[in-house]
Amino acid sequence: MKLITNIHQLLVTGEYTAPVRGKAMSQMPHIHNAYLLIKEDRIHDYGAMLDIPHITDAEIIDATGKIVLPMWCDSHTHLVYATGREDEFVDRINGLSYEEIANRGGGILNSVARLRSMSEDALFEDASKRLQHLISLGTGAIEIKSGYGLSVEAERKMLSVIKRLKSHFDLPIKATLLGAHAIPSEYKDDREAYIRLIIEEMIPAFAKADLCDFIDVFCESGYFTVAEMEAILNAGKAHGLQPKVHVNQFNAIGGIAAAVKYDALSVDHLEELVEEDIEALKGSTTIPVALPGCSFFLSIPYTPARQLIDAGLPLAIATDYNPGSAPSGNMNFVVAQACIQLRMTPEEAIIAATINGAFAMDAASETGSITKGKKANLIITTPQKSYNTIPYRFGHHQIEQLILNGKRL
């Protein structure tokens, strides 16, 4: 057993049966001067130091002046890819837009060409190094999408890599089929045939092989229409895949209401919102997810987090880690961005990056909060005056120690 003592602040404590919504996000449960007891890989007990149990055989970790919180839950990433796109980064500096780069053969299709020529073993090796790095930055649960293959063979290769990551890394990893990320070049004159390929071949085969947990579509002008998204989501649900969709990144075209109709677990991006989108989300179980790293890198608007939270909705935040529009998987920076750019309070940002992120990838039964029986996946910070310092000192390394499955890393 391990006993963490004299914790200055223990964050995100208690039981959670649903995502934290609206005003409740600003009331993060926490305990001052606390202890936390770990037994094997689980949180066994926690509370105020005044009530600490008498334990004689535990390894003692003194957290005087430090903050303990759950490891970050990153519910939207594209971790498996071939190589970076630094050349496009320079194109954007020189004035080209994301859409202009895509129209020149860059963007998603650039990543597709590179990934198709790369072996599964090489992809796995690179993805493993990336995931290990993200764990060192405090990520303790992660969702990973396909979408850089855009053929049956290449999408299967990506999903197989994610399955191998699940077997090699002992943390919650969720796989999402994003065959509808873009129309591949070989189908540019017959998009209906590619959509049939997703519906009739990819979804049945990959679901039967247990290669994916979710189905995703990039519902956006120039990519997939609302009607196309609905057809793909309907097929995914018929094979047991719950939707998690990209929507409203550049335009509001009605995708959110359609995603809610198909019981999407989450709708992600939301940089552009209209009142009808807010109304569609009210009363639903769909979780809005903001991706501020993408807005930062592409210099596009940020998700209007205040509008969502003030409407009584839950909100999660994630990195969107990918080689083209968000080449950073650092959740610490995303938490800071949530406060600086999305005008979220530190309490709201931490809730969004932990328990709400866990719900947004269906991992909340195992992680995302300091709850008895959940995995002991914990961040111990350097000495801090309060948790407000975590987003305030953006860019500084504030993690002193990580505990994953009850073991110190």
Protein backbone atom coordinates (compact mmCIF):
# COMPACT_ATOMS: atom_id res chain seq x y z
CA MET A 1 0.00 0.00 0.00
CA LYS A 2 0.96 3.64 -0.48
CA LEU A 3 -0.17 6.45 1.79
CA ILE A 4 0.10 10.02 0.53
CA THR A 5 0.05 12.38 3.49
CA ASN A 6 -0.18 16.12 4.18
CA ILE A 7 -1.65 16.87 0.75
CA HIS A 8 -2.12 20.63 0.52
CA GLN A 9 -5.17 20.21 -1.76
CA LEU A 10 -6.77 16.98 -2.99
CA LEU A 11 -8.84 17.75 -6.12
CA VAL A 12 -11.90 16.31 -7.89
CA THR A 13 -13.03 14.13 -5.01
CA GLY A 14 -16.30 12.24 -4.64
CA GLU A 15 -18.69 10.09 -6.66
CA TYR A 16 -19.70 11.00 -10.20
CA THR A 17 -22.56 9.36 -12.09
CA ALA A 18 -22.75 11.96 -14.88
CA PRO A 19 -20.63 14.78 -16.33
CA VAL A 20 -20.47 17.96 -14.27
CA ARG A 21 -22.72 20.61 -15.81
CA GLY A 22 -23.06 24.38 -15.83
CA LYS A 23 -22.49 26.21 -12.55
CA ALA A 24 -21.47 22.99 -10.80
CA MET A 25 -18.25 23.01 -12.81
CA SER A 26 -17.07 26.02 -10.79
CA GLN A 27 -17.56 24.15 -7.51
CA MET A 28 -14.85 21.52 -7.75
CA PRO A 29 -14.90 19.23 -4.68
CA HIS A 30 -11.55 19.31 -2.91
CA ILE A 31 -10.05 18.69 0.53
CA HIS A 32 -7.38 20.79 2.24
CA ASN A 33 -4.69 19.02 4.26
CA ALA A 34 -5.68 15.56 3.08
CA TYR A 35 -4.43 11.99 2.84
CA LEU A 36 -4.95 9.37 0.14
CA LEU A 37 -4.47 5.61 0.55
CA ILE A 38 -3.65 3.39 -2.43
CA LYS A 39 -4.09 -0.39 -2.30
CA GLU A 40 -2.61 -2.23 -5.25
CA ASP A 41 -3.77 -0.27 -8.33
CA ARG A 42 -6.82 1.39 -6.76
CA ILE A 43 -7.77 4.35 -4.61
CA HIS A 44 -8.69 2.70 -1.33
CA ASP A 45 -9.47 5.67 0.89
CA TYR A 46 -9.00 9.42 1.24
CA GLY A 47 -10.02 12.23 3.56
CA ALA A 48 -8.82 14.96 5.90
CA MET A 49 -5.54 14.40 7.76
CA LEU A 50 -7.48 14.66 11.02
CA ASP A 51 -9.17 11.39 10.07
CA ILE A 52 -6.15 9.52 8.72
CA PRO A 53 -6.27 5.80 9.54
CA HIS A 54 -3.46 4.08 11.43
CA ILE A 55 -1.45 2.22 8.79
CA THR A 56 1.79 0.48 9.69
CA ASP A 57 2.87 -1.23 6.46
CA ALA A 58 2.37 1.46 3.83
CA GLU A 59 4.94 3.33 1.79
CA ILE A 60 4.63 6.96 2.90
CA ILE A 61 4.70 9.75 0.33
CA ASP A 62 4.89 13.17 1.94
CA ALA A 63 2.96 15.70 -0.18
CA THR A 64 3.40 18.70 2.11
CA GLY A 65 2.58 21.86 0.16
CA LYS A 66 1.65 19.86 -2.95
CA ILE A 67 -1.55 19.24 -4.87
CA VAL A 68 -2.84 15.80 -5.83
CA LEU A 69 -5.36 15.40 -8.65
CA PRO A 70 -6.42 12.74 -11.16
CA MET A 71 -4.27 12.31 -14.25
CA TRP A 72 -5.62 14.14 -17.28
CA CYS A 73 -8.22 12.47 -19.52
CA ASP A 74 -7.63 13.41 -23.17
CA SER A 75 -10.81 12.45 -25.04
CA HIS A 76 -9.82 13.55 -28.57
CA THR A 77 -6.50 12.71 -30.26
CA HIS A 78 -5.05 11.51 -33.56
CA LEU A 79 -1.95 9.99 -31.93
CA VAL A 80 -1.25 7.42 -34.67
CA TYR A 81 0.23 9.14 -37.72
CA ALA A 82 3.22 8.80 -40.02
CA THR A 83 5.20 12.04 -39.81
CA GLY A 84 4.78 15.68 -38.89
CA ARG A 85 3.72 18.39 -41.33
CA GLU A 86 6.25 21.09 -40.55
CA ASP A 87 6.28 22.20 -44.19
CA GLU A 88 2.60 23.14 -43.97
CA PHE A 89 3.36 25.01 -40.75
CA VAL A 90 5.68 27.25 -42.73
CA ASP A 91 3.04 27.60 -45.48
CA ARG A 92 0.62 28.97 -42.90
CA ILE A 93 3.24 31.41 -41.62
CA ASN A 94 3.53 32.58 -45.21
CA GLY A 95 -0.19 33.30 -45.35
CA LEU A 96 -1.95 30.18 -46.64
CA SER A 97 -5.12 29.10 -44.82
CA TYR A 98 -5.89 25.56 -43.62
CA GLU A 99 -8.38 25.21 -46.49
CA GLU A 100 -5.89 26.51 -49.09
CA ILE A 101 -3.25 24.04 -47.92
CA ALA A 102 -5.78 21.21 -48.16
CA ASN A 103 -6.77 22.28 -51.69
CA ARG A 104 -3.08 22.05 -52.72
CA GLY A 105 -2.89 18.40 -51.61
CA GLY A 106 -1.81 19.11 -48.06
CA GLY A 107 -3.75 18.63 -44.86
CA ILE A 108 -5.37 15.31 -44.10
CA LEU A 109 -4.60 13.84 -47.54
CA ASN A 110 -0.90 14.60 -47.03
CA SER A 111 -0.95 12.50 -43.86
CA VAL A 112 -2.87 9.78 -45.68
CA ALA A 113 -0.23 9.40 -48.38
CA ARG A 114 2.55 9.13 -45.82
CA LEU A 115 0.73 6.68 -43.56
CA ARG A 116 -0.25 4.28 -46.33
CA SER A 117 3.41 3.71 -47.17
CA MET A 118 4.46 3.09 -43.55
CA SER A 119 4.49 -0.35 -41.93
CA GLU A 120 2.30 -1.20 -38.96
CA ASP A 121 5.38 -1.94 -36.84
CA ALA A 122 6.90 1.45 -37.60
CA LEU A 123 3.61 3.20 -36.84
CA PHE A 124 3.35 1.32 -33.56
CA GLU A 125 6.89 2.20 -32.55
CA ASP A 126 6.37 5.91 -33.20
CA ALA A 127 2.92 5.95 -31.54
CA SER A 128 4.34 4.19 -28.48
CA LYS A 129 7.00 6.88 -28.07
CA ARG A 130 4.37 9.61 -28.37
CA LEU A 131 2.07 7.95 -25.85
CA GLN A 132 4.91 7.44 -23.38
CA HIS A 133 5.70 11.14 -23.66
CA LEU A 134 2.07 12.14 -23.07
CA ILE A 135 1.93 9.93 -19.98
CA SER A 136 5.00 11.76 -18.66
CA LEU A 137 3.03 15.00 -19.10
CA GLY A 138 0.21 13.68 -16.91
CA THR A 139 -2.21 12.03 -19.37
CA GLY A 140 -3.73 8.95 -17.77
CA ALA A 141 -6.54 8.13 -20.23
CA ILE A 142 -6.71 8.76 -23.95
CA GLU A 143 -8.92 8.38 -27.02
CA ILE A 144 -7.18 7.75 -30.36
CA LYS A 145 -8.77 8.05 -33.81
CA SER A 146 -8.00 6.48 -37.14
CA GLY A 147 -8.63 8.64 -40.21
CA TYR A 148 -5.23 8.93 -41.90
CA GLY A 149 -5.70 5.71 -43.87
CA LEU A 150 -8.96 6.27 -45.77
CA SER A 151 -8.89 2.75 -47.25
CA VAL A 152 -9.96 -0.52 -45.69
CA GLU A 153 -6.38 -1.77 -45.45
CA ALA A 154 -4.87 1.44 -44.08
CA GLU A 155 -7.68 2.16 -41.61
CA ARG A 156 -7.34 -1.42 -40.32
CA LYS A 157 -3.62 -0.83 -39.93
CA MET A 158 -4.23 2.26 -37.79
CA LEU A 159 -6.83 0.56 -35.62
CA SER A 160 -4.54 -2.45 -35.19
CA VAL A 161 -1.83 -0.11 -33.91
CA ILE A 162 -4.28 1.32 -31.37
CA LYS A 163 -5.21 -2.21 -30.28
CA ARG A 164 -1.52 -2.98 -29.75
CA LEU A 165 -1.16 0.19 -27.69
CA LYS A 166 -4.03 -1.03 -25.50
CA SER A 167 -2.18 -4.27 -24.82
CA HIS A 168 1.18 -2.59 -24.13
CA PHE A 169 0.06 0.36 -21.98
CA ASP A 170 -1.97 -0.17 -18.84
CA LEU A 171 -4.23 2.85 -18.97
CA PRO A 172 -7.68 3.48 -20.48
CA ILE A 173 -7.29 3.77 -24.28
CA LYS A 174 -10.32 4.15 -26.53
CA ALA A 175 -10.29 3.61 -30.32
CA THR A 176 -12.43 5.58 -32.77
CA LEU A 177 -13.06 4.74 -36.43
CA LEU A 178 -12.73 7.99 -38.39
CA GLY A 179 -12.86 6.63 -41.91
CA ALA A 180 -14.97 9.69 -42.71
CA HIS A 181 -12.12 12.13 -42.11
CA ALA A 182 -11.89 13.22 -45.76
CA ILE A 183 -12.65 11.88 -49.22
CA PRO A 184 -9.48 10.13 -50.48
CA SER A 185 -8.08 11.27 -53.79
CA GLU A 186 -8.99 8.04 -55.59
CA TYR A 187 -12.67 8.69 -54.79
CA LYS A 188 -12.71 12.44 -55.47
CA ASP A 189 -15.09 11.93 -58.41
CA ASP A 190 -17.28 9.34 -56.66
CA ARG A 191 -17.74 10.28 -53.00
CA GLU A 192 -20.87 8.10 -52.75
CA ALA A 193 -18.73 5.02 -53.47
CA TYR A 194 -16.34 5.93 -50.65
CA ILE A 195 -19.20 6.43 -48.20
CA ARG A 196 -20.54 3.02 -49.21
CA LEU A 197 -17.07 1.61 -48.52
CA ILE A 198 -17.18 3.00 -44.98
CA ILE A 199 -20.71 1.76 -44.34
CA GLU A 200 -20.57 -1.63 -46.04
CA GLU A 201 -16.96 -2.70 -45.46
CA MET A 202 -15.09 -0.71 -42.81
CA ILE A 203 -17.75 -0.53 -40.11
CA PRO A 204 -18.89 -4.19 -40.20
CA ALA A 205 -15.36 -5.59 -40.44
CA PHE A 206 -13.75 -3.41 -37.79
CA ALA A 207 -16.63 -3.72 -35.34
CA LYS A 208 -16.65 -7.51 -35.70
CA ALA A 209 -12.89 -7.58 -35.06
CA ASP A 210 -13.36 -5.41 -31.95
CA LEU A 211 -10.97 -2.81 -33.32
CA CYS A 212 -12.96 0.28 -32.38
CA ASP A 213 -15.17 1.65 -29.62
CA PHE A 214 -16.65 4.68 -31.41
CA ILE A 215 -17.58 5.97 -34.87
CA ASP A 216 -16.62 9.50 -35.96
CA VAL A 217 -17.28 11.79 -38.94
CA PHE A 218 -15.76 15.14 -39.90
CA CYS A 219 -19.06 16.95 -40.54
CA GLU A 220 -17.94 20.18 -42.15
CA SER A 221 -18.26 22.15 -45.36
CA GLY A 222 -15.93 20.58 -47.93
CA TYR A 223 -15.74 17.30 -46.02
CA PHE A 224 -18.94 15.40 -45.10
CA THR A 225 -22.48 16.72 -45.18
CA VAL A 226 -25.02 16.27 -42.41
CA ALA A 227 -26.89 13.69 -44.48
CA GLU A 228 -23.67 11.74 -45.11
CA MET A 229 -22.82 11.88 -41.43
CA GLU A 230 -26.24 10.56 -40.47
CA ALA A 231 -25.88 7.60 -42.83
CA ILE A 232 -22.48 6.73 -41.38
CA LEU A 233 -23.58 7.17 -37.76
CA ASN A 234 -26.65 5.04 -38.38
CA ALA A 235 -24.46 2.25 -39.77
CA GLY A 236 -22.03 2.57 -36.87
CA LYS A 237 -24.77 2.35 -34.28
CA ALA A 238 -26.18 -0.74 -35.99
CA HIS A 239 -22.82 -2.39 -35.27
CA GLY A 240 -22.57 -1.18 -31.67
CA LEU A 241 -20.38 1.89 -32.24
CA GLN A 242 -21.45 5.01 -30.38
CA PRO A 243 -20.84 8.30 -32.24
CA LYS A 244 -18.19 10.89 -31.30
CA VAL A 245 -18.13 13.53 -34.02
CA HIS A 246 -16.06 16.42 -35.37
CA VAL A 247 -18.48 19.28 -35.96
CA ASN A 248 -18.69 23.10 -36.22
CA GLN A 249 -14.95 23.63 -36.63
CA PHE A 250 -15.31 26.20 -39.42
CA ASN A 251 -19.05 26.39 -40.09
CA ALA A 252 -22.37 25.67 -38.35
CA ILE A 253 -24.25 23.45 -40.81
CA GLY A 254 -26.67 21.60 -38.54
CA GLY A 255 -24.35 18.78 -37.54
CA ILE A 256 -24.84 19.17 -33.79
CA ALA A 257 -28.58 18.56 -33.86
CA ALA A 258 -28.01 15.51 -36.07
CA ALA A 259 -25.32 14.17 -33.73
CA VAL A 260 -27.65 14.58 -30.75
CA LYS A 261 -30.37 12.72 -32.65
CA TYR A 262 -27.99 9.78 -32.95
CA ASP A 263 -27.06 9.92 -29.24
CA ALA A 264 -23.49 11.02 -29.83
CA LEU A 265 -21.33 10.66 -26.75
CA SER A 266 -19.59 13.90 -27.64
CA VAL A 267 -19.48 16.69 -30.22
CA ASP A 268 -15.96 18.04 -30.63
CA HIS A 269 -14.49 21.34 -31.86
CA LEU A 270 -17.49 23.75 -31.72
CA GLU A 271 -15.45 26.80 -32.63
CA GLU A 272 -18.52 28.08 -34.49
CA LEU A 273 -21.85 27.89 -32.65
CA VAL A 274 -25.33 29.26 -33.24
CA GLU A 275 -28.22 29.39 -30.79
CA GLU A 276 -29.87 26.37 -32.43
CA ASP A 277 -26.79 24.31 -31.53
CA ILE A 278 -27.06 25.25 -27.86
CA GLU A 279 -30.75 24.38 -27.84
CA ALA A 280 -30.05 21.02 -29.46
CA LEU A 281 -27.55 20.16 -26.72
CA LYS A 282 -29.83 21.12 -23.85
CA GLY A 283 -31.52 18.10 -22.36
CA SER A 284 -29.28 15.69 -24.27
CA THR A 285 -26.59 13.38 -22.94
CA THR A 286 -24.10 14.59 -25.56
CA ILE A 287 -20.97 16.24 -24.14
CA PRO A 288 -19.48 19.30 -25.85
CA VAL A 289 -15.69 19.08 -26.17
CA ALA A 290 -13.46 22.11 -26.80
CA LEU A 291 -10.06 21.76 -28.49
CA PRO A 292 -8.23 25.01 -27.76
CA GLY A 293 -4.88 23.72 -29.00
CA CYS A 294 -6.29 23.58 -32.52
CA SER A 295 -7.63 27.14 -32.30
CA PHE A 296 -4.24 28.32 -31.02
CA PHE A 297 -2.26 26.61 -33.78
CA LEU A 298 -4.58 27.52 -36.67
CA SER A 299 -5.43 31.03 -35.39
CA ILE A 300 -9.16 30.32 -35.66
CA PRO A 301 -11.86 31.25 -33.11
CA TYR A 302 -11.99 29.44 -29.78
CA THR A 303 -14.96 27.41 -28.62
CA PRO A 304 -17.34 29.75 -26.74
CA ALA A 305 -16.99 27.87 -23.47
CA ARG A 306 -18.78 30.49 -21.38
CA GLN A 307 -21.85 30.27 -23.60
CA LEU A 308 -21.95 26.48 -23.20
CA ILE A 309 -21.36 26.45 -19.44
CA ASP A 310 -23.74 29.35 -18.78
CA ALA A 311 -26.42 27.39 -20.68
CA GLY A 312 -26.11 24.67 -18.04
CA LEU A 313 -24.18 22.25 -20.24
CA PRO A 314 -21.17 20.11 -19.38
CA LEU A 315 -17.86 20.78 -21.13
CA ALA A 316 -14.73 18.71 -21.62
CA ILE A 317 -11.41 19.87 -23.05
CA ALA A 318 -8.93 17.80 -25.04
CA THR A 319 -5.76 18.29 -27.09
CA ASP A 320 -6.81 17.20 -30.62
CA TYR A 321 -3.19 16.03 -30.87
CA ASN A 322 -2.45 15.58 -34.57
CA PRO A 323 0.30 16.46 -37.06
CA GLY A 324 -1.59 19.14 -38.98
CA SER A 325 -3.69 21.37 -36.76
CA ALA A 326 -2.67 20.62 -33.15
CA PRO A 327 0.81 19.09 -32.93
CA SER A 328 0.91 19.05 -29.14
CA GLY A 329 -0.58 16.54 -26.73
CA ASN A 330 0.22 18.57 -23.62
CA MET A 331 -2.94 18.67 -21.49
CA ASN A 332 -1.27 21.05 -19.04
CA PHE A 333 -1.15 23.67 -21.79
CA VAL A 334 -4.77 22.94 -22.75
CA VAL A 335 -5.86 23.53 -19.14
CA ALA A 336 -4.04 26.88 -19.19
CA GLN A 337 -5.60 27.78 -22.55
CA ALA A 338 -9.05 26.97 -21.17
CA CYS A 339 -8.54 29.68 -18.57
CA ILE A 340 -6.71 32.22 -20.73
CA GLN A 341 -8.61 31.93 -24.02
CA LEU A 342 -11.90 30.21 -23.15
CA ARG A 343 -12.40 32.30 -19.97
CA MET A 344 -12.98 29.23 -17.83
CA THR A 345 -12.11 29.32 -14.15
CA PRO A 346 -9.35 26.98 -12.90
CA GLU A 347 -12.04 24.82 -11.29
CA GLU A 348 -13.95 24.54 -14.56
CA ALA A 349 -10.81 23.79 -16.55
CA ILE A 350 -9.64 21.04 -14.18
CA ILE A 351 -13.10 19.44 -14.13
CA ALA A 352 -13.20 19.63 -17.94
CA ALA A 353 -9.80 17.94 -18.23
CA THR A 354 -10.46 15.17 -15.71
CA ILE A 355 -13.91 13.81 -14.91
CA ASN A 356 -15.73 15.40 -17.87
CA GLY A 357 -12.97 14.22 -20.20
CA ALA A 358 -13.39 10.73 -18.77
CA PHE A 359 -17.12 10.80 -19.46
CA ALA A 360 -16.47 12.08 -22.99
CA MET A 361 -14.66 8.80 -23.79
CA ASP A 362 -16.72 6.47 -21.58
CA ALA A 363 -13.89 5.91 -19.10
CA ALA A 364 -15.38 7.56 -16.00
CA SER A 365 -16.00 4.25 -14.22
CA GLU A 366 -12.22 3.77 -14.05
CA THR A 367 -10.64 7.20 -13.90
CA GLY A 368 -11.11 10.98 -13.89
CA SER A 369 -11.74 11.59 -10.18
CA ILE A 370 -10.51 10.80 -6.69
CA THR A 371 -13.09 8.11 -5.99
CA LYS A 372 -12.77 4.95 -3.92
CA GLY A 373 -12.34 1.96 -6.20
CA LYS A 374 -11.11 3.89 -9.23
CA LYS A 375 -7.64 3.46 -10.70
CA ALA A 376 -4.92 5.19 -8.73
CA ASN A 377 -3.81 7.35 -11.68
CA LEU A 378 -2.60 10.52 -10.00
CA ILE A 379 -0.59 13.69 -10.49
CA ILE A 380 1.43 15.05 -7.57
CA THR A 381 2.49 18.61 -8.33
CA THR A 382 5.48 20.54 -7.16
CA PRO A 383 4.72 22.70 -4.10
CA GLN A 384 1.93 25.14 -5.01
CA LYS A 385 0.00 27.83 -3.13
CA SER A 386 -3.26 26.66 -4.70
CA TYR A 387 -4.63 24.87 -7.73
CA ASN A 388 -5.04 28.27 -9.38
CA THR A 389 -1.31 28.13 -10.01
CA ILE A 390 -1.64 25.14 -12.36
CA PRO A 391 -3.09 27.17 -15.30
CA TYR A 392 -1.51 30.44 -14.15
CA ARG A 393 2.08 29.23 -14.60
CA PHE A 394 1.51 27.95 -18.13
CA GLY A 395 4.56 26.48 -19.80
CA HIS A 396 6.24 25.60 -16.52
CA HIS A 397 6.75 21.97 -15.53
CA GLN A 398 4.67 21.59 -12.38
CA ILE A 399 4.44 17.79 -12.09
CA GLU A 400 6.76 16.37 -9.46
CA GLN A 401 5.55 12.80 -9.53
CA LEU A 402 3.06 10.55 -11.35
CA ILE A 403 1.34 7.46 -10.03
CA LEU A 404 -0.14 5.14 -12.67
CA ASN A 405 -2.09 2.07 -11.56
CA GLY A 406 -0.78 2.62 -8.05
CA LYS A 407 2.89 2.60 -9.14
CA ARG A 408 5.24 5.53 -9.07
CA LEU A 409 6.61 6.36 -12.52
